[in-house]
Amino acid sequence: MNCDGCHGGGGTGWAGPSLVDGRWRYGGSDGALFQSIYYGRPRGMPAYGGIMSPGAIWKVIAYIQAQPVPATVPTQSWIAEPAQKSH
C-alpha cells in the first residue's frame, strides 16, 4: 500500500527504483532491506520503523524477495553514442 506510490505497481520502479530487478543500491540481503525500510535512505526513502512493526517489515521483505523478475524491467541504459566526424 505504501510502496507502490514510489516503487510502482508490482515494484517494477517509478519515482523510486525497481524492487524486482535484482539491483540494489544498499544491498539486497534480508538484513539490508530491513535497514532500508526501518531507517530509510537518503534521496526519498522514508523510515518506516516508527510506523510499521518489525514483524510487518519482515513480511514486506518476504513479499519483495518472492517476486519474480519481470521479462522487461523499465530501467535505462546509458550507451555512449559514437562521436560524429566533422568535415
PDB file of N, CA and C in Angstrom:
ATOM      1  N   MET A   1       0.826  -1.189   0.000  1.00  0.00           N
ATOM      2  CA  MET A   1       0.000   0.000   0.000  1.00  0.00           C
ATOM      3  C   MET A   1       0.869   1.251   0.000  1.00  0.00           C
ATOM      4  N   ASN A   2       1.904   1.286   0.800  1.00  0.00           N
ATOM      5  CA  ASN A   2       2.780   2.451   0.831  1.00  0.00           C
ATOM      6  C   ASN A   2       3.871   2.375  -0.233  1.00  0.00           C
ATOM      7  N   CYS A   3       4.275   1.187  -0.606  1.00  0.00           N
ATOM      8  CA  CYS A   3       5.419   1.022  -1.501  1.00  0.00           C
ATOM      9  C   CYS A   3       5.124   1.415  -2.940  1.00  0.00           C
ATOM     10  N   ASP A   4       3.942   1.058  -3.443  1.00  0.00           N
ATOM     11  CA  ASP A   4       3.689   1.263  -4.869  1.00  0.00           C
ATOM     12  C   ASP A   4       3.565   2.733  -5.252  1.00  0.00           C
ATOM     13  N   GLY A   5       3.351   3.624  -4.296  1.00  0.00           N
ATOM     14  CA  GLY A   5       3.316   5.050  -4.606  1.00  0.00           C
ATOM     15  C   GLY A   5       4.624   5.537  -5.199  1.00  0.00           C
ATOM     16  N   CYS A   6       5.731   4.973  -4.767  1.00  0.00           N
ATOM     17  CA  CYS A   6       7.050   5.354  -5.290  1.00  0.00           C
ATOM     18  C   CYS A   6       7.680   4.268  -6.155  1.00  0.00           C
ATOM     19  N   HIS A   7       7.498   3.010  -5.757  1.00  0.00           N
ATOM     20  CA  HIS A   7       8.166   1.907  -6.456  1.00  0.00           C
ATOM     21  C   HIS A   7       7.317   1.304  -7.565  1.00  0.00           C
ATOM     22  N   GLY A   8       6.113   1.831  -7.781  1.00  0.00           N
ATOM     23  CA  GLY A   8       5.262   1.381  -8.876  1.00  0.00           C
ATOM     24  C   GLY A   8       4.549   0.075  -8.575  1.00  0.00           C
ATOM     25  N   GLY A   9       3.504  -0.173  -9.341  1.00  0.00           N
ATOM     26  CA  GLY A   9       2.760  -1.415  -9.219  1.00  0.00           C
ATOM     27  C   GLY A   9       3.663  -2.600  -9.505  1.00  0.00           C
ATOM     28  N   GLY A  10       3.609  -3.600  -8.664  1.00  0.00           N
ATOM     29  CA  GLY A  10       4.464  -4.770  -8.843  1.00  0.00           C
ATOM     30  C   GLY A  10       5.914  -4.513  -8.470  1.00  0.00           C
ATOM     31  N   GLY A  11       6.206  -3.310  -7.944  1.00  0.00           N
ATOM     32  CA  GLY A  11       7.568  -2.989  -7.526  1.00  0.00           C
ATOM     33  C   GLY A  11       8.556  -2.841  -8.664  1.00  0.00           C
ATOM     34  N   THR A  12       8.068  -2.584  -9.888  1.00  0.00           N
ATOM     35  CA  THR A  12       8.959  -2.513 -11.045  1.00  0.00           C
ATOM     36  C   THR A  12       9.637  -1.170 -11.227  1.00  0.00           C
ATOM     37  N   GLY A  13       9.346  -0.218 -10.358  1.00  0.00           N
ATOM     38  CA  GLY A  13      10.013   1.076 -10.417  1.00  0.00           C
ATOM     39  C   GLY A  13       9.116   2.165 -10.961  1.00  0.00           C
ATOM     40  N   TRP A  14       9.270   3.340 -10.414  1.00  0.00           N
ATOM     41  CA  TRP A  14       8.557   4.525 -10.877  1.00  0.00           C
ATOM     42  C   TRP A  14       9.378   5.707 -10.411  1.00  0.00           C
ATOM     43  N   ALA A  15       8.925   6.483  -9.432  1.00  0.00           N
ATOM     44  CA  ALA A  15       9.751   7.558  -8.868  1.00  0.00           C
ATOM     45  C   ALA A  15      10.884   6.955  -8.043  1.00  0.00           C
ATOM     46  N   GLY A  16      10.615   5.828  -7.405  1.00  0.00           N
ATOM     47  CA  GLY A  16      11.634   5.079  -6.675  1.00  0.00           C
ATOM     48  C   GLY A  16      12.128   3.931  -7.541  1.00  0.00           C
ATOM     49  N   PRO A  17      13.262   3.347  -7.188  1.00  0.00           N
ATOM     50  CA  PRO A  17      13.816   2.272  -8.020  1.00  0.00           C
ATOM     51  C   PRO A  17      12.992   0.991  -7.966  1.00  0.00           C
ATOM     52  N   SER A  18      13.253   0.144  -8.950  1.00  0.00           N
ATOM     53  CA  SER A  18      12.617  -1.172  -9.006  1.00  0.00           C
ATOM     54  C   SER A  18      13.014  -1.988  -7.782  1.00  0.00           C
ATOM     55  N   LEU A  19      12.074  -2.770  -7.289  1.00  0.00           N
ATOM     56  CA  LEU A  19      12.344  -3.691  -6.188  1.00  0.00           C
ATOM     57  C   LEU A  19      12.485  -5.125  -6.681  1.00  0.00           C
ATOM     58  N   VAL A  20      12.374  -5.327  -7.990  1.00  0.00           N
ATOM     59  CA  VAL A  20      12.373  -6.692  -8.518  1.00  0.00           C
ATOM     60  C   VAL A  20      13.409  -6.932  -9.610  1.00  0.00           C
ATOM     61  N   ASP A  21      14.283  -5.968  -9.897  1.00  0.00           N
ATOM     62  CA  ASP A  21      15.234  -6.184 -10.980  1.00  0.00           C
ATOM     63  C   ASP A  21      16.557  -6.784 -10.509  1.00  0.00           C
ATOM     64  N   GLY A  22      16.692  -7.040  -9.210  1.00  0.00           N
ATOM     65  CA  GLY A  22      17.905  -7.675  -8.696  1.00  0.00           C
ATOM     66  C   GLY A  22      19.057  -6.716  -8.467  1.00  0.00           C
ATOM     67  N   ARG A  23      18.850  -5.428  -8.698  1.00  0.00           N
ATOM     68  CA  ARG A  23      19.909  -4.441  -8.472  1.00  0.00           C
ATOM     69  C   ARG A  23      19.549  -3.619  -7.238  1.00  0.00           C
ATOM     70  N   TRP A  24      20.465  -3.555  -6.291  1.00  0.00           N
ATOM     71  CA  TRP A  24      20.202  -2.888  -5.020  1.00  0.00           C
ATOM     72  C   TRP A  24      21.298  -1.893  -4.703  1.00  0.00           C
ATOM     73  N   ARG A  25      20.940  -0.642  -4.516  1.00  0.00           N
ATOM     74  CA  ARG A  25      21.909   0.407  -4.177  1.00  0.00           C
ATOM     75  C   ARG A  25      22.518   0.158  -2.799  1.00  0.00           C
ATOM     76  N   TYR A  26      21.732  -0.311  -1.849  1.00  0.00           N
ATOM     77  CA  TYR A  26      22.183  -0.500  -0.474  1.00  0.00           C
ATOM     78  C   TYR A  26      22.248  -1.965  -0.067  1.00  0.00           C
ATOM     79  N   GLY A  27      22.212  -2.864  -1.023  1.00  0.00           N
ATOM     80  CA  GLY A  27      22.288  -4.291  -0.746  1.00  0.00           C
ATOM     81  C   GLY A  27      20.928  -4.954  -0.762  1.00  0.00           C
ATOM     82  N   GLY A  28      20.879  -6.168  -1.272  1.00  0.00           N
ATOM     83  CA  GLY A  28      19.617  -6.878  -1.415  1.00  0.00           C
ATOM     84  C   GLY A  28      19.405  -8.009  -0.433  1.00  0.00           C
ATOM     85  N   SER A  29      20.284  -8.141   0.554  1.00  0.00           N
ATOM     86  CA  SER A  29      20.068  -9.187   1.558  1.00  0.00           C
ATOM     87  C   SER A  29      18.869  -8.808   2.419  1.00  0.00           C
ATOM     88  N   ASP A  30      18.335  -9.785   3.123  1.00  0.00           N
ATOM     89  CA  ASP A  30      17.195  -9.512   4.003  1.00  0.00           C
ATOM     90  C   ASP A  30      17.540  -8.417   5.012  1.00  0.00           C
ATOM     91  N   GLY A  31      18.736  -8.496   5.602  1.00  0.00           N
ATOM     92  CA  GLY A  31      19.151  -7.509   6.592  1.00  0.00           C
ATOM     93  C   GLY A  31      19.283  -6.111   6.008  1.00  0.00           C
ATOM     94  N   ALA A  32      19.839  -6.021   4.792  1.00  0.00           N
ATOM     95  CA  ALA A  32      19.984  -4.717   4.147  1.00  0.00           C
ATOM     96  C   ALA A  32      18.617  -4.125   3.810  1.00  0.00           C
ATOM     97  N   LEU A  33      17.695  -4.967   3.352  1.00  0.00           N
ATOM     98  CA  LEU A  33      16.349  -4.476   3.061  1.00  0.00           C
ATOM     99  C   LEU A  33      15.666  -4.004   4.338  1.00  0.00           C
ATOM    100  N   PHE A  34      15.860  -4.733   5.439  1.00  0.00           N
ATOM    101  CA  PHE A  34      15.281  -4.317   6.710  1.00  0.00           C
ATOM    102  C   PHE A  34      15.819  -2.938   7.098  1.00  0.00           C
ATOM    103  N   GLN A  35      17.122  -2.746   6.976  1.00  0.00           N
ATOM    104  CA  GLN A  35      17.729  -1.456   7.307  1.00  0.00           C
ATOM    105  C   GLN A  35      17.128  -0.342   6.450  1.00  0.00           C
ATOM    106  N   SER A  36      16.966  -0.589   5.157  1.00  0.00           N
ATOM    107  CA  SER A  36      16.414   0.422   4.253  1.00  0.00           C
ATOM    108  C   SER A  36      14.989   0.795   4.630  1.00  0.00           C
ATOM    109  N   ILE A  37      14.184  -0.197   4.950  1.00  0.00           N
ATOM    110  CA  ILE A  37      12.778   0.072   5.285  1.00  0.00           C
ATOM    111  C   ILE A  37      12.669   0.684   6.680  1.00  0.00           C
ATOM    112  N   TYR A  38      13.390   0.138   7.629  1.00  0.00           N
ATOM    113  CA  TYR A  38      13.259   0.593   9.023  1.00  0.00           C
ATOM    114  C   TYR A  38      13.807   2.010   9.215  1.00  0.00           C
ATOM    115  N   TYR A  39      15.009   2.259   8.684  1.00  0.00           N
ATOM    116  CA  TYR A  39      15.674   3.546   8.908  1.00  0.00           C
ATOM    117  C   TYR A  39      15.534   4.536   7.752  1.00  0.00           C
ATOM    118  N   GLY A  40      15.091   4.061   6.583  1.00  0.00           N
ATOM    119  CA  GLY A  40      15.009   4.933   5.422  1.00  0.00           C
ATOM    120  C   GLY A  40      16.372   5.097   4.764  1.00  0.00           C
ATOM    121  N   ARG A  41      16.381   5.812   3.639  1.00  0.00           N
ATOM    122  CA  ARG A  41      17.617   6.056   2.888  1.00  0.00           C
ATOM    123  C   ARG A  41      17.586   7.474   2.338  1.00  0.00           C
ATOM    124  N   PRO A  42      18.766   8.032   2.080  1.00  0.00           N
ATOM    125  CA  PRO A  42      18.805   9.381   1.503  1.00  0.00           C
ATOM    126  C   PRO A  42      18.087   9.448   0.156  1.00  0.00           C
ATOM    127  N   ARG A  43      17.660  10.606  -0.216  1.00  0.00           N
ATOM    128  CA  ARG A  43      17.012  10.878  -1.506  1.00  0.00           C
ATOM    129  C   ARG A  43      15.652  10.228  -1.658  1.00  0.00           C
ATOM    130  N   GLY A  44      14.882  10.190  -0.584  1.00  0.00           N
ATOM    131  CA  GLY A  44      13.483   9.854  -0.767  1.00  0.00           C
ATOM    132  C   GLY A  44      12.885   8.669  -0.044  1.00  0.00           C
ATOM    133  N   MET A  45      13.689   7.714   0.418  1.00  0.00           N
ATOM    134  CA  MET A  45      13.108   6.554   1.098  1.00  0.00           C
ATOM    135  C   MET A  45      12.843   6.916   2.553  1.00  0.00           C
ATOM    136  N   PRO A  46      11.560   7.044   2.945  1.00  0.00           N
ATOM    137  CA  PRO A  46      11.261   7.391   4.337  1.00  0.00           C
ATOM    138  C   PRO A  46      11.504   6.210   5.272  1.00  0.00           C
ATOM    139  N   ALA A  47      11.712   6.516   6.541  1.00  0.00           N
ATOM    140  CA  ALA A  47      11.878   5.489   7.570  1.00  0.00           C
ATOM    141  C   ALA A  47      10.499   5.012   8.012  1.00  0.00           C
ATOM    142  N   TYR A  48      10.295   3.707   7.994  1.00  0.00           N
ATOM    143  CA  TYR A  48       9.027   3.125   8.419  1.00  0.00           C
ATOM    144  C   TYR A  48       9.132   2.438   9.766  1.00  0.00           C
ATOM    145  N   GLY A  49      10.291   2.550  10.430  1.00  0.00           N
ATOM    146  CA  GLY A  49      10.491   1.891  11.710  1.00  0.00           C
ATOM    147  C   GLY A  49       9.518   2.335  12.788  1.00  0.00           C
ATOM    148  N   GLY A  50       9.109   3.579  12.778  1.00  0.00           N
ATOM    149  CA  GLY A  50       8.151   4.052  13.765  1.00  0.00           C
ATOM    150  C   GLY A  50       6.710   3.873  13.339  1.00  0.00           C
ATOM    151  N   ILE A  51       6.515   3.445  12.106  1.00  0.00           N
ATOM    152  CA  ILE A  51       5.168   3.306  11.548  1.00  0.00           C
ATOM    153  C   ILE A  51       4.761   1.833  11.464  1.00  0.00           C
ATOM    154  N   MET A  52       5.692   0.992  11.028  1.00  0.00           N
ATOM    155  CA  MET A  52       5.435  -0.444  10.883  1.00  0.00           C
ATOM    156  C   MET A  52       6.199  -1.206  11.965  1.00  0.00           C
ATOM    157  N   SER A  53       5.613  -2.275  12.446  1.00  0.00           N
ATOM    158  CA  SER A  53       6.305  -3.123  13.413  1.00  0.00           C
ATOM    159  C   SER A  53       7.421  -3.888  12.691  1.00  0.00           C
ATOM    160  N   PRO A  54       8.449  -4.326  13.416  1.00  0.00           N
ATOM    161  CA  PRO A  54       9.473  -5.151  12.771  1.00  0.00           C
ATOM    162  C   PRO A  54       8.883  -6.386  12.073  1.00  0.00           C
ATOM    163  N   GLY A  55       7.868  -7.000  12.683  1.00  0.00           N
ATOM    164  CA  GLY A  55       7.230  -8.165  12.057  1.00  0.00           C
ATOM    165  C   GLY A  55       6.592  -7.825  10.725  1.00  0.00           C
ATOM    166  N   ALA A  56       5.953  -6.668  10.639  1.00  0.00           N
ATOM    167  CA  ALA A  56       5.338  -6.242   9.379  1.00  0.00           C
ATOM    168  C   ALA A  56       6.416  -5.956   8.333  1.00  0.00           C
ATOM    169  N   ILE A  57       7.529  -5.372   8.751  1.00  0.00           N
ATOM    170  CA  ILE A  57       8.633  -5.114   7.816  1.00  0.00           C
ATOM    171  C   ILE A  57       9.179  -6.427   7.279  1.00  0.00           C
ATOM    172  N   TRP A  58       9.331  -7.430   8.137  1.00  0.00           N
ATOM    173  CA  TRP A  58       9.818  -8.733   7.667  1.00  0.00           C
ATOM    174  C   TRP A  58       8.843  -9.362   6.671  1.00  0.00           C
ATOM    175  N   LYS A  59       7.554  -9.142   6.853  1.00  0.00           N
ATOM    176  CA  LYS A  59       6.573  -9.653   5.884  1.00  0.00           C
ATOM    177  C   LYS A  59       6.725  -8.954   4.537  1.00  0.00           C
ATOM    178  N   VAL A  60       6.990  -7.656   4.547  1.00  0.00           N
ATOM    179  CA  VAL A  60       7.225  -6.922   3.297  1.00  0.00           C
ATOM    180  C   VAL A  60       8.474  -7.460   2.598  1.00  0.00           C
ATOM    181  N   ILE A  61       9.520  -7.716   3.364  1.00  0.00           N
ATOM    182  CA  ILE A  61      10.755  -8.260   2.799  1.00  0.00           C
ATOM    183  C   ILE A  61      10.504  -9.629   2.172  1.00  0.00           C
ATOM    184  N   ALA A  62       9.757 -10.477   2.848  1.00  0.00           N
ATOM    185  CA  ALA A  62       9.433 -11.797   2.289  1.00  0.00           C
ATOM    186  C   ALA A  62       8.658 -11.641   0.989  1.00  0.00           C
ATOM    187  N   TYR A  63       7.742 -10.687   0.948  1.00  0.00           N
ATOM    188  CA  TYR A  63       6.968 -10.432  -0.268  1.00  0.00           C
ATOM    189  C   TYR A  63       7.890  -9.961  -1.401  1.00  0.00           C
ATOM    190  N   ILE A  64       8.761  -9.005  -1.109  1.00  0.00           N
ATOM    191  CA  ILE A  64       9.682  -8.481  -2.134  1.00  0.00           C
ATOM    192  C   ILE A  64      10.559  -9.608  -2.669  1.00  0.00           C
ATOM    193  N   GLN A  65      11.129 -10.408  -1.784  1.00  0.00           N
ATOM    194  CA  GLN A  65      12.036 -11.475  -2.207  1.00  0.00           C
ATOM    195  C   GLN A  65      11.326 -12.579  -2.991  1.00  0.00           C
ATOM    196  N   ALA A  66      10.016 -12.696  -2.829  1.00  0.00           N
ATOM    197  CA  ALA A  66       9.256 -13.731  -3.530  1.00  0.00           C
ATOM    198  C   ALA A  66       8.812 -13.309  -4.930  1.00  0.00           C
ATOM    199  N   GLN A  67       8.987 -12.037  -5.282  1.00  0.00           N
ATOM    200  CA  GLN A  67       8.501 -11.555  -6.570  1.00  0.00           C
ATOM    201  C   GLN A  67       9.405 -12.018  -7.705  1.00  0.00           C
ATOM    202  N   PRO A  68       8.808 -12.464  -8.811  1.00  0.00           N
ATOM    203  CA  PRO A  68       9.623 -12.857  -9.963  1.00  0.00           C
ATOM    204  C   PRO A  68      10.167 -11.622 -10.674  1.00  0.00           C
ATOM    205  N   VAL A  69      11.326 -11.771 -11.279  1.00  0.00           N
ATOM    206  CA  VAL A  69      11.881 -10.689 -12.085  1.00  0.00           C
ATOM    207  C   VAL A  69      11.067 -10.613 -13.373  1.00  0.00           C
ATOM    208  N   PRO A  70      10.509  -9.434 -13.704  1.00  0.00           N
ATOM    209  CA  PRO A  70       9.715  -9.333 -14.926  1.00  0.00           C
ATOM    210  C   PRO A  70      10.568  -9.552 -16.173  1.00  0.00           C
ATOM    211  N   ALA A  71       9.921  -9.960 -17.261  1.00  0.00           N
ATOM    212  CA  ALA A  71      10.630 -10.184 -18.521  1.00  0.00           C
ATOM    213  C   ALA A  71      11.267  -8.889 -19.013  1.00  0.00           C
ATOM    214  N   THR A  72      10.574  -7.781 -18.839  1.00  0.00           N
ATOM    215  CA  THR A  72      11.130  -6.480 -19.209  1.00  0.00           C
ATOM    216  C   THR A  72      11.094  -5.594 -17.971  1.00  0.00           C
ATOM    217  N   VAL A  73      12.246  -5.081 -17.602  1.00  0.00           N
ATOM    218  CA  VAL A  73      12.356  -4.207 -16.441  1.00  0.00           C
ATOM    219  C   VAL A  73      12.565  -2.790 -16.953  1.00  0.00           C
ATOM    220  N   PRO A  74      11.709  -1.851 -16.532  1.00  0.00           N
ATOM    221  CA  PRO A  74      11.830  -0.482 -17.048  1.00  0.00           C
ATOM    222  C   PRO A  74      13.014   0.270 -16.437  1.00  0.00           C
ATOM    223  N   THR A  75      14.204  -0.043 -16.932  1.00  0.00           N
ATOM    224  CA  THR A  75      15.395   0.677 -16.496  1.00  0.00           C
ATOM    225  C   THR A  75      16.055   1.309 -17.706  1.00  0.00           C
ATOM    226  N   GLN A  76      16.889   2.282 -17.461  1.00  0.00           N
ATOM    227  CA  GLN A  76      17.546   2.979 -18.554  1.00  0.00           C
ATOM    228  C   GLN A  76      18.935   2.421 -18.778  1.00  0.00           C
ATOM    229  N   SER A  77      19.368   2.447 -20.008  1.00  0.00           N
ATOM    230  CA  SER A  77      20.711   2.044 -20.371  1.00  0.00           C
ATOM    231  C   SER A  77      21.416   3.271 -20.926  1.00  0.00           C
ATOM    232  N   TRP A  78      22.577   3.566 -20.405  1.00  0.00           N
ATOM    233  CA  TRP A  78      23.320   4.742 -20.848  1.00  0.00           C
ATOM    234  C   TRP A  78      24.465   4.281 -21.736  1.00  0.00           C
ATOM    235  N   ILE A  79      24.193   4.188 -23.024  1.00  0.00           N
ATOM    236  CA  ILE A  79      25.186   3.776 -24.003  1.00  0.00           C
ATOM    237  C   ILE A  79      25.653   5.013 -24.733  1.00  0.00           C
ATOM    238  N   ALA A  80      26.967   5.225 -24.752  1.00  0.00           N
ATOM    239  CA  ALA A  80      27.512   6.414 -25.413  1.00  0.00           C
ATOM    240  C   ALA A  80      27.323   6.294 -26.916  1.00  0.00           C
ATOM    241  N   GLU A  81      26.891   7.370 -27.520  1.00  0.00           N
ATOM    242  CA  GLU A  81      26.763   7.434 -28.979  1.00  0.00           C
ATOM    243  C   GLU A  81      28.147   7.628 -29.564  1.00  0.00           C
ATOM    244  N   PRO A  82      28.441   7.012 -30.723  1.00  0.00           N
ATOM    245  CA  PRO A  82      29.749   7.238 -31.347  1.00  0.00           C
ATOM    246  C   PRO A  82      29.879   8.707 -31.741  1.00  0.00           C
ATOM    247  N   ALA A  83      31.084   9.244 -31.630  1.00  0.00           N
ATOM    248  CA  ALA A  83      31.330  10.644 -31.971  1.00  0.00           C
ATOM    249  C   ALA A  83      31.142  10.843 -33.474  1.00  0.00           C
ATOM    250  N   GLN A  84      30.501  11.927 -33.836  1.00  0.00           N
ATOM    251  CA  GLN A  84      30.309  12.270 -35.252  1.00  0.00           C
ATOM    252  C   GLN A  84      31.558  12.933 -35.795  1.00  0.00           C
ATOM    253  N   LYS A  85      31.963  12.537 -36.984  1.00  0.00           N
ATOM    254  CA  LYS A  85      33.119  13.164 -37.623  1.00  0.00           C
ATOM    255  C   LYS A  85      32.669  14.472 -38.265  1.00  0.00           C
ATOM    256  N   SER A  86      33.449  15.497 -38.094  1.00  0.00           N
ATOM    257  CA  SER A  86      33.130  16.770 -38.757  1.00  0.00           C
ATOM    258  C   SER A  86      33.959  16.879 -40.016  1.00  0.00           C
ATOM    259  N   HIS A  87      33.386  17.454 -41.051  1.00  0.00           N
ATOM    260  CA  HIS A  87      34.086  17.583 -42.334  1.00  0.00           C
ATOM    261  C   HIS A  87      34.526  18.995 -42.538  1.00  0.00           C
TER     262      HIS A  87
END
